[in-house]
Amino acid sequence: MKIKQVEIYAVNLPLIKPFIISYATYPNIQSIIVKMTTECGLVGWGESVPDEHITGETPESTYAMLKNTLAQLMIGQNPMEFEKIHELMDKRVHRAPAAKAAIDIACFDVVGKKLNVPVYQLLGGRYHEKFPVTHVLSIDEPEKMADEAEQKLEEGYTSFKMKVGQDILGDVKRIKAVRERVGEEIAIRVDVNQGWVNSANTLQALRHLESLGIDWLEQPVAQDDIDAMVEIKSKSTIPVMIDEGIRDMYNLREIIAKRAADKVNIKLMKCGGIYPAMKLANMAEMAGIECQVGSMVESSIGSAAGFHVAFSKKIIKSVELTGPVKFSKDLGDLKESYLIPYIQLNERPGLGVSVDETVLAELTQYSDLVE
């Protein structure tokens, strides 16, 4: 099986409401979709949602990288040779993980279809039957976040991730308001997205939070400040998760050596796709560090890829892949698998996602064909 052509689409995915985190507000999500066709006529779908604050890539640079370099590199290659595919990309381009993830995901999708098995069967088989779906609360006024949490509680959600990181005292008020509204039994995770900057600010905030039953605190400090994570972990009774600070095997090696985190958040866009994500999960498992699979708010395509990784590994204990329920219009049908409060994957071949090419055409800003 050889790759015959690669089509690249720049799309705007419309959100139901703006997504607000510490460093940015997103009225919609800019995504790059890859359609990979083999000589035998099979199609694999991939996706890239870059973030210049984390991966160093923009939608424009990612599109150009795929069009001018990576897609051309793939023509004539066997998509089953995952290790070789990544070696080819890594030798040609340093980093650019989100761009590489689109190629990686499309390869896994088309190989699963060729072998007539779900992607998780290519990763060691299905381990988890279902995962709880966590609702993500964008930054807002304390009462508005509490109102949204209460509404989602009535819809069946049993866990929340709170986005904070604008100001410490305001963030403490936000977290307290949600905890008071949802009660003590509901899981709350706090994601600062680097907004507290350093260990001193974080430790100040933690004095107010340690009595609130927080599941974990995620990435409170600047992404490259691993030593600050070490200090926070050593002084906190709340488990600490690292997200922006874990992008590849080299980051994780340092995190393991320094015992800098209790948990790691693996995202396919940060590490380069499904194949590198599995390597990170294996490294974390050897070190006894629990994992989550998260996302950059991707469509059904990228979200499904993350779920296949998560469902195949015992060490992955939670997921945060909520793109399909945040979009007013999606490219695929993964939303059907969200049976709140759980998600349960189907058993269709490849990613198990049916892509609506009419919607793809509607949301596409521009596209190119490489063959």
Protein backbone atom coordinates (compact mmCIF):
# COMPACT_ATOMS: atom_id res chain seq x y z
CA MET A 1 0.00 0.00 0.00
CA LYS A 2 1.44 3.36 -1.07
CA ILE A 3 0.30 6.94 -0.55
CA LYS A 4 -0.85 8.41 -3.87
CA GLN A 5 -2.03 11.91 -2.95
CA VAL A 6 -2.60 14.25 -0.03
CA GLU A 7 -5.27 16.96 0.04
CA ILE A 8 -4.93 19.79 2.56
CA TYR A 9 -7.80 21.97 3.80
CA ALA A 10 -7.65 25.07 6.00
CA VAL A 11 -10.95 25.19 7.90
CA ASN A 12 -12.66 27.31 10.53
CA LEU A 13 -14.58 25.24 13.07
CA PRO A 14 -17.42 27.32 14.62
CA LEU A 15 -17.71 27.17 18.41
CA ILE A 16 -21.05 27.34 20.21
CA LYS A 17 -19.49 29.96 22.52
CA PRO A 18 -15.98 31.50 22.66
CA PHE A 19 -13.33 29.39 24.38
CA ILE A 20 -11.43 31.51 26.91
CA ILE A 21 -8.21 30.47 28.64
CA SER A 22 -5.46 32.43 30.42
CA TYR A 23 -3.51 33.47 27.32
CA ALA A 24 -6.14 33.69 24.55
CA THR A 25 -9.79 33.87 23.53
CA TYR A 26 -10.91 31.72 20.62
CA PRO A 27 -14.14 32.71 18.81
CA ASN A 28 -13.59 29.69 16.54
CA ILE A 29 -10.91 27.03 16.02
CA GLN A 30 -8.61 27.11 13.00
CA SER A 31 -7.80 23.58 11.89
CA ILE A 32 -5.86 21.98 9.05
CA ILE A 33 -7.46 18.80 7.67
CA VAL A 34 -5.53 16.20 5.68
CA LYS A 35 -7.16 13.72 3.30
CA MET A 36 -4.68 10.98 2.40
CA THR A 37 -5.52 8.65 -0.50
CA THR A 38 -3.63 5.45 -1.27
CA GLU A 39 -3.05 3.76 -4.64
CA CYS A 40 -5.71 1.20 -3.72
CA GLY A 41 -8.30 3.94 -3.22
CA LEU A 42 -8.52 3.98 0.57
CA VAL A 43 -8.80 7.34 2.35
CA GLY A 44 -7.31 8.32 5.69
CA TRP A 45 -8.19 11.55 7.51
CA GLY A 46 -5.83 13.57 9.70
CA GLU A 47 -6.01 16.86 11.55
CA SER A 48 -3.72 19.55 12.88
CA VAL A 49 -4.77 22.22 15.38
CA PRO A 50 -1.57 24.18 16.08
CA ASP A 51 -1.08 26.67 18.92
CA GLU A 52 1.69 29.22 18.59
CA HIS A 53 1.84 29.58 22.39
CA ILE A 54 2.65 25.89 22.85
CA THR A 55 3.84 24.17 19.67
CA GLY A 56 5.33 27.28 18.05
CA GLU A 57 3.14 26.79 14.98
CA THR A 58 0.40 28.93 13.47
CA PRO A 59 -2.39 27.69 11.18
CA GLU A 60 -0.67 29.46 8.29
CA SER A 61 2.76 27.97 8.98
CA THR A 62 1.27 24.51 9.51
CA TYR A 63 -0.62 24.65 6.23
CA ALA A 64 2.56 25.72 4.42
CA MET A 65 4.60 23.00 6.12
CA LEU A 66 2.14 20.33 5.05
CA LYS A 67 1.72 21.66 1.53
CA ASN A 68 5.36 22.39 0.71
CA THR A 69 7.22 19.74 2.67
CA LEU A 70 5.49 16.95 4.60
CA ALA A 71 2.79 16.00 2.08
CA GLN A 72 5.32 15.81 -0.74
CA LEU A 73 7.54 13.65 1.47
CA MET A 74 4.70 11.16 1.92
CA ILE A 75 3.98 10.46 -1.75
CA GLY A 76 4.98 6.86 -2.52
CA GLN A 77 5.47 5.92 1.15
CA ASN A 78 3.80 2.98 2.88
CA PRO A 79 1.52 4.41 5.61
CA MET A 80 1.88 1.17 7.61
CA GLU A 81 5.52 1.99 8.36
CA PHE A 82 4.84 4.35 11.27
CA GLU A 83 8.39 4.44 12.62
CA LYS A 84 9.81 5.14 9.18
CA ILE A 85 7.17 7.81 8.46
CA HIS A 86 8.18 9.69 11.61
CA GLU A 87 11.88 9.28 10.89
CA LEU A 88 11.38 10.77 7.43
CA MET A 89 9.47 13.74 8.86
CA ASP A 90 11.91 14.29 11.72
CA LYS A 91 14.94 14.23 9.42
CA ARG A 92 13.37 16.81 7.14
CA VAL A 93 11.78 19.11 9.75
CA HIS A 94 12.76 19.90 13.34
CA ARG A 95 9.74 19.90 15.67
CA ALA A 96 6.50 21.12 13.96
CA PRO A 97 4.54 18.51 15.97
CA ALA A 98 1.02 19.61 15.02
CA ALA A 99 1.83 19.43 11.31
CA LYS A 100 3.32 15.96 11.75
CA ALA A 101 0.28 14.88 13.78
CA ALA A 102 -2.00 15.42 10.77
CA ILE A 103 0.11 13.02 8.68
CA ASP A 104 0.43 10.51 11.53
CA ILE A 105 -3.33 10.42 12.21
CA ALA A 106 -4.18 10.00 8.52
CA CYS A 107 -1.74 7.08 8.30
CA PHE A 108 -3.32 5.30 11.27
CA ASP A 109 -6.82 5.90 9.89
CA VAL A 110 -6.02 4.45 6.47
CA VAL A 111 -4.11 1.47 7.91
CA GLY A 112 -7.02 0.64 10.21
CA LYS A 113 -9.33 0.72 7.19
CA LYS A 114 -6.94 -1.46 5.19
CA LEU A 115 -6.84 -4.09 7.96
CA ASN A 116 -10.54 -3.57 8.82
CA VAL A 117 -9.82 -2.88 12.51
CA PRO A 118 -10.23 0.17 14.79
CA VAL A 119 -7.05 2.16 15.40
CA TYR A 120 -6.91 1.03 19.03
CA GLN A 121 -6.30 -2.53 17.77
CA LEU A 122 -3.10 -1.24 16.16
CA LEU A 123 -1.99 0.11 19.55
CA GLY A 124 -2.30 -3.02 21.67
CA GLY A 125 -6.06 -3.50 21.74
CA ARG A 126 -8.87 -1.92 23.68
CA TYR A 127 -8.34 -1.71 27.45
CA HIS A 128 -11.00 0.79 28.63
CA GLU A 129 -14.68 0.30 27.82
CA LYS A 130 -15.66 3.92 28.51
CA PHE A 131 -14.35 7.18 29.96
CA PRO A 132 -16.15 9.88 31.93
CA VAL A 133 -16.55 13.06 29.87
CA THR A 134 -15.24 16.16 31.64
CA HIS A 135 -16.93 19.47 30.87
CA VAL A 136 -14.47 22.35 30.44
CA LEU A 137 -15.48 25.71 31.92
CA SER A 138 -13.96 28.72 30.12
CA ILE A 139 -12.81 31.66 32.22
CA ASP A 140 -15.71 33.91 33.24
CA GLU A 141 -17.10 35.67 36.29
CA PRO A 142 -17.40 33.33 39.32
CA GLU A 143 -21.21 33.21 39.32
CA LYS A 144 -21.38 32.63 35.56
CA MET A 145 -18.95 29.70 35.82
CA ALA A 146 -20.99 28.32 38.71
CA ASP A 147 -24.21 28.73 36.71
CA GLU A 148 -22.74 26.82 33.77
CA ALA A 149 -21.44 24.08 36.05
CA GLU A 150 -24.88 23.70 37.63
CA GLN A 151 -26.51 23.49 34.21
CA LYS A 152 -24.03 20.82 33.04
CA LEU A 153 -24.53 18.92 36.28
CA GLU A 154 -28.22 18.68 35.43
CA GLU A 155 -27.28 17.36 31.97
CA GLY A 156 -25.38 14.50 33.60
CA TYR A 157 -21.76 15.64 33.81
CA THR A 158 -19.90 14.45 36.90
CA SER A 159 -16.53 16.19 36.47
CA PHE A 160 -15.35 19.68 35.51
CA LYS A 161 -12.12 21.26 34.36
CA MET A 162 -11.96 24.91 35.30
CA LYS A 163 -9.89 27.27 33.16
CA VAL A 164 -8.28 29.96 35.33
CA GLY A 165 -5.06 31.97 35.29
CA GLN A 166 -5.99 35.64 34.92
CA ASP A 167 -5.56 36.77 38.55
CA ILE A 168 -5.02 34.71 41.68
CA LEU A 169 -7.70 36.21 43.95
CA GLY A 170 -10.26 36.16 41.15
CA ASP A 171 -9.32 32.57 40.32
CA VAL A 172 -9.79 31.50 43.94
CA LYS A 173 -13.26 33.09 43.89
CA ARG A 174 -14.10 31.25 40.66
CA ILE A 175 -13.06 27.87 42.06
CA LYS A 176 -14.86 28.41 45.37
CA ALA A 177 -18.04 29.48 43.58
CA VAL A 178 -18.12 26.33 41.45
CA ARG A 179 -17.32 24.05 44.39
CA GLU A 180 -20.11 25.58 46.48
CA ARG A 181 -22.57 25.19 43.62
CA VAL A 182 -21.83 21.57 42.60
CA GLY A 183 -21.16 20.10 46.05
CA GLU A 184 -18.29 18.08 47.44
CA GLU A 185 -18.81 14.85 45.48
CA ILE A 186 -18.22 16.30 41.99
CA ALA A 187 -14.70 16.19 40.57
CA ILE A 188 -13.07 19.57 39.89
CA ARG A 189 -9.75 19.92 38.07
CA VAL A 190 -8.07 23.34 37.84
CA ASP A 191 -6.11 24.30 34.70
CA VAL A 192 -4.07 27.50 34.96
CA ASN A 193 -2.50 27.34 31.47
CA GLN A 194 0.71 28.91 32.83
CA GLY A 195 -1.23 31.94 34.12
CA TRP A 196 0.27 32.04 37.63
CA VAL A 197 3.72 32.23 36.02
CA ASN A 198 5.93 31.08 38.91
CA SER A 199 6.05 28.95 42.04
CA ALA A 200 5.63 31.87 44.47
CA ASN A 201 2.30 32.91 42.97
CA THR A 202 1.15 29.31 42.75
CA LEU A 203 1.97 28.51 46.36
CA GLN A 204 0.06 31.64 47.41
CA ALA A 205 -2.99 30.38 45.51
CA LEU A 206 -2.66 26.86 46.89
CA ARG A 207 -3.10 28.10 50.46
CA HIS A 208 -6.68 28.97 49.50
CA LEU A 209 -7.36 25.82 47.48
CA GLU A 210 -6.10 22.90 49.54
CA SER A 211 -9.36 22.58 51.49
CA LEU A 212 -11.57 22.51 48.36
CA GLY A 213 -11.02 18.90 47.30
CA ILE A 214 -9.37 19.67 43.96
CA ASP A 215 -8.51 16.55 41.91
CA TRP A 216 -5.39 18.14 40.48
CA LEU A 217 -3.76 21.44 39.52
CA GLU A 218 -2.61 21.67 35.91
CA GLN A 219 0.31 23.70 34.52
CA PRO A 220 0.28 26.67 36.91
CA VAL A 221 3.68 28.04 35.80
CA ALA A 222 5.54 28.90 32.60
CA GLN A 223 5.89 25.81 30.41
CA ASP A 224 9.70 25.59 30.47
CA ASP A 225 10.07 26.14 34.23
CA ILE A 226 10.38 22.51 35.27
CA ASP A 227 12.14 23.46 38.50
CA ALA A 228 9.12 25.51 39.57
CA MET A 229 6.95 22.43 39.04
CA VAL A 230 9.34 20.47 41.25
CA GLU A 231 8.98 23.02 44.05
CA ILE A 232 5.18 23.16 43.78
CA LYS A 233 4.87 19.37 43.77
CA SER A 234 7.07 19.08 46.86
CA LYS A 235 5.02 21.65 48.81
CA SER A 236 1.47 20.88 47.67
CA THR A 237 -1.07 18.36 48.91
CA ILE A 238 -2.93 18.75 45.60
CA PRO A 239 -1.60 16.49 42.80
CA VAL A 240 0.15 18.43 40.03
CA MET A 241 -0.31 17.78 36.30
CA ILE A 242 2.05 19.08 33.62
CA ASP A 243 0.64 20.00 30.21
CA GLU A 244 2.40 22.68 28.17
CA GLY A 245 5.70 21.57 29.74
CA ILE A 246 5.49 18.06 28.23
CA ARG A 247 5.86 18.08 24.47
CA ASP A 248 8.22 15.23 23.65
CA MET A 249 10.35 12.42 25.07
CA TYR A 250 13.11 14.82 26.08
CA ASN A 251 10.75 16.90 28.22
CA LEU A 252 9.31 13.79 29.82
CA ARG A 253 12.76 12.40 30.56
CA GLU A 254 13.57 15.55 32.55
CA ILE A 255 10.18 15.50 34.29
CA ILE A 256 10.71 11.89 35.35
CA ALA A 257 14.29 12.51 36.51
CA LYS A 258 13.29 15.53 38.60
CA ARG A 259 9.97 14.07 39.81
CA ALA A 260 8.33 17.27 38.58
CA ALA A 261 4.72 16.07 38.22
CA ASP A 262 2.22 13.54 39.52
CA LYS A 263 0.41 13.40 36.17
CA VAL A 264 1.10 14.30 32.54
CA ASN A 265 -1.31 15.57 29.90
CA ILE A 266 -0.46 14.00 26.54
CA LYS A 267 -1.75 15.85 23.49
CA LEU A 268 -1.24 14.57 19.96
CA MET A 269 -0.71 18.10 18.66
CA LYS A 270 2.17 18.67 21.07
CA CYS A 271 4.03 15.42 20.46
CA GLY A 272 3.41 14.70 16.76
CA GLY A 273 0.49 12.28 16.66
CA ILE A 274 -0.60 8.83 17.77
CA TYR A 275 2.74 7.04 17.44
CA PRO A 276 4.75 9.49 19.60
CA ALA A 277 1.88 9.70 22.10
CA MET A 278 2.14 5.96 22.71
CA LYS A 279 5.86 6.34 23.39
CA LEU A 280 5.13 9.02 25.98
CA ALA A 281 2.48 6.86 27.65
CA ASN A 282 4.94 3.97 27.86
CA MET A 283 7.62 6.20 29.39
CA ALA A 284 5.17 7.58 31.94
CA GLU A 285 3.98 4.10 32.83
CA MET A 286 7.53 2.95 33.52
CA ALA A 287 7.94 5.93 35.87
CA GLY A 288 4.60 5.34 37.60
CA ILE A 289 3.12 8.63 36.38
CA GLU A 290 -0.57 8.63 35.46
CA CYS A 291 -1.61 10.13 32.13
CA GLN A 292 -4.44 12.08 30.59
CA VAL A 293 -5.07 12.52 26.88
CA GLY A 294 -6.07 16.10 26.15
CA SER A 295 -6.64 18.18 23.04
CA MET A 296 -6.33 21.58 21.40
CA VAL A 297 -10.11 21.48 20.81
CA GLU A 298 -10.08 19.39 17.66
CA SER A 299 -12.86 18.18 15.39
CA SER A 300 -14.12 14.59 15.34
CA ILE A 301 -10.97 13.57 13.45
CA GLY A 302 -8.33 14.73 15.93
CA SER A 303 -10.53 13.94 18.93
CA ALA A 304 -11.08 10.35 17.76
CA ALA A 305 -7.32 9.90 17.34
CA GLY A 306 -6.79 10.95 20.95
CA PHE A 307 -9.52 8.63 22.16
CA HIS A 308 -7.98 5.62 20.42
CA VAL A 309 -4.73 6.27 22.28
CA ALA A 310 -6.57 6.69 25.59
CA PHE A 311 -8.76 3.60 25.21
CA SER A 312 -5.74 1.38 24.52
CA LYS A 313 -3.59 2.21 27.58
CA LYS A 314 -4.14 1.26 31.22
CA ILE A 315 -1.94 4.13 32.47
CA ILE A 316 -4.26 6.69 30.83
CA LYS A 317 -6.79 7.46 33.56
CA SER A 318 -8.70 10.42 32.13
CA VAL A 319 -9.51 12.21 28.86
CA GLU A 320 -10.27 15.80 27.95
CA LEU A 321 -11.36 15.69 24.33
CA THR A 322 -14.43 17.86 24.13
CA GLY A 323 -14.15 19.50 20.69
CA PRO A 324 -17.10 17.67 19.10
CA VAL A 325 -19.50 18.88 21.81
CA LYS A 326 -18.18 22.46 21.67
CA PHE A 327 -18.71 23.02 17.94
CA SER A 328 -21.94 24.23 16.41
CA LYS A 329 -20.89 22.37 13.24
CA ASP A 330 -18.38 19.50 13.04
CA LEU A 331 -16.76 17.63 10.16
CA GLY A 332 -17.56 14.18 11.53
CA ASP A 333 -19.97 12.19 13.65
CA LEU A 334 -17.97 11.50 16.81
CA LYS A 335 -20.49 13.47 18.87
CA GLU A 336 -22.76 10.41 18.65
CA SER A 337 -20.30 8.57 20.92
CA TYR A 338 -20.70 11.14 23.73
CA LEU A 339 -23.28 9.46 25.95
CA ILE A 340 -23.06 11.87 28.87
CA PRO A 341 -21.55 11.35 31.40
CA TYR A 342 -19.45 8.87 29.38
CA ILE A 343 -17.93 8.40 25.96
CA GLN A 344 -17.82 4.96 24.39
CA LEU A 345 -16.10 4.43 21.04
CA ASN A 346 -17.65 2.56 18.16
CA GLU A 347 -15.89 -0.40 16.56
CA ARG A 348 -15.71 0.86 12.98
CA PRO A 349 -12.36 0.53 11.14
CA GLY A 350 -9.71 3.24 11.39
CA LEU A 351 -10.68 6.25 13.47
CA GLY A 352 -14.33 5.21 13.23
CA VAL A 353 -15.32 8.69 12.02
CA SER A 354 -17.50 9.40 8.99
CA VAL A 355 -16.40 12.73 7.50
CA ASP A 356 -19.08 14.87 5.86
CA GLU A 357 -17.30 16.35 2.85
CA THR A 358 -20.18 18.76 2.23
CA VAL A 359 -19.55 20.34 5.63
CA LEU A 360 -15.81 20.22 4.96
CA ALA A 361 -16.31 22.20 1.75
CA GLU A 362 -18.55 24.69 3.57
CA LEU A 363 -15.99 25.37 6.32
CA THR A 364 -12.89 25.35 4.07
CA GLN A 365 -11.12 28.67 3.53
CA TYR A 366 -8.63 27.31 0.98
CA SER A 367 -7.17 23.96 -0.05
CA ASP A 368 -4.41 22.27 -2.07
CA LEU A 369 -3.69 18.89 -3.64
CA VAL A 370 -0.26 17.24 -3.51
CA GLU A 371 0.43 14.16 -5.64
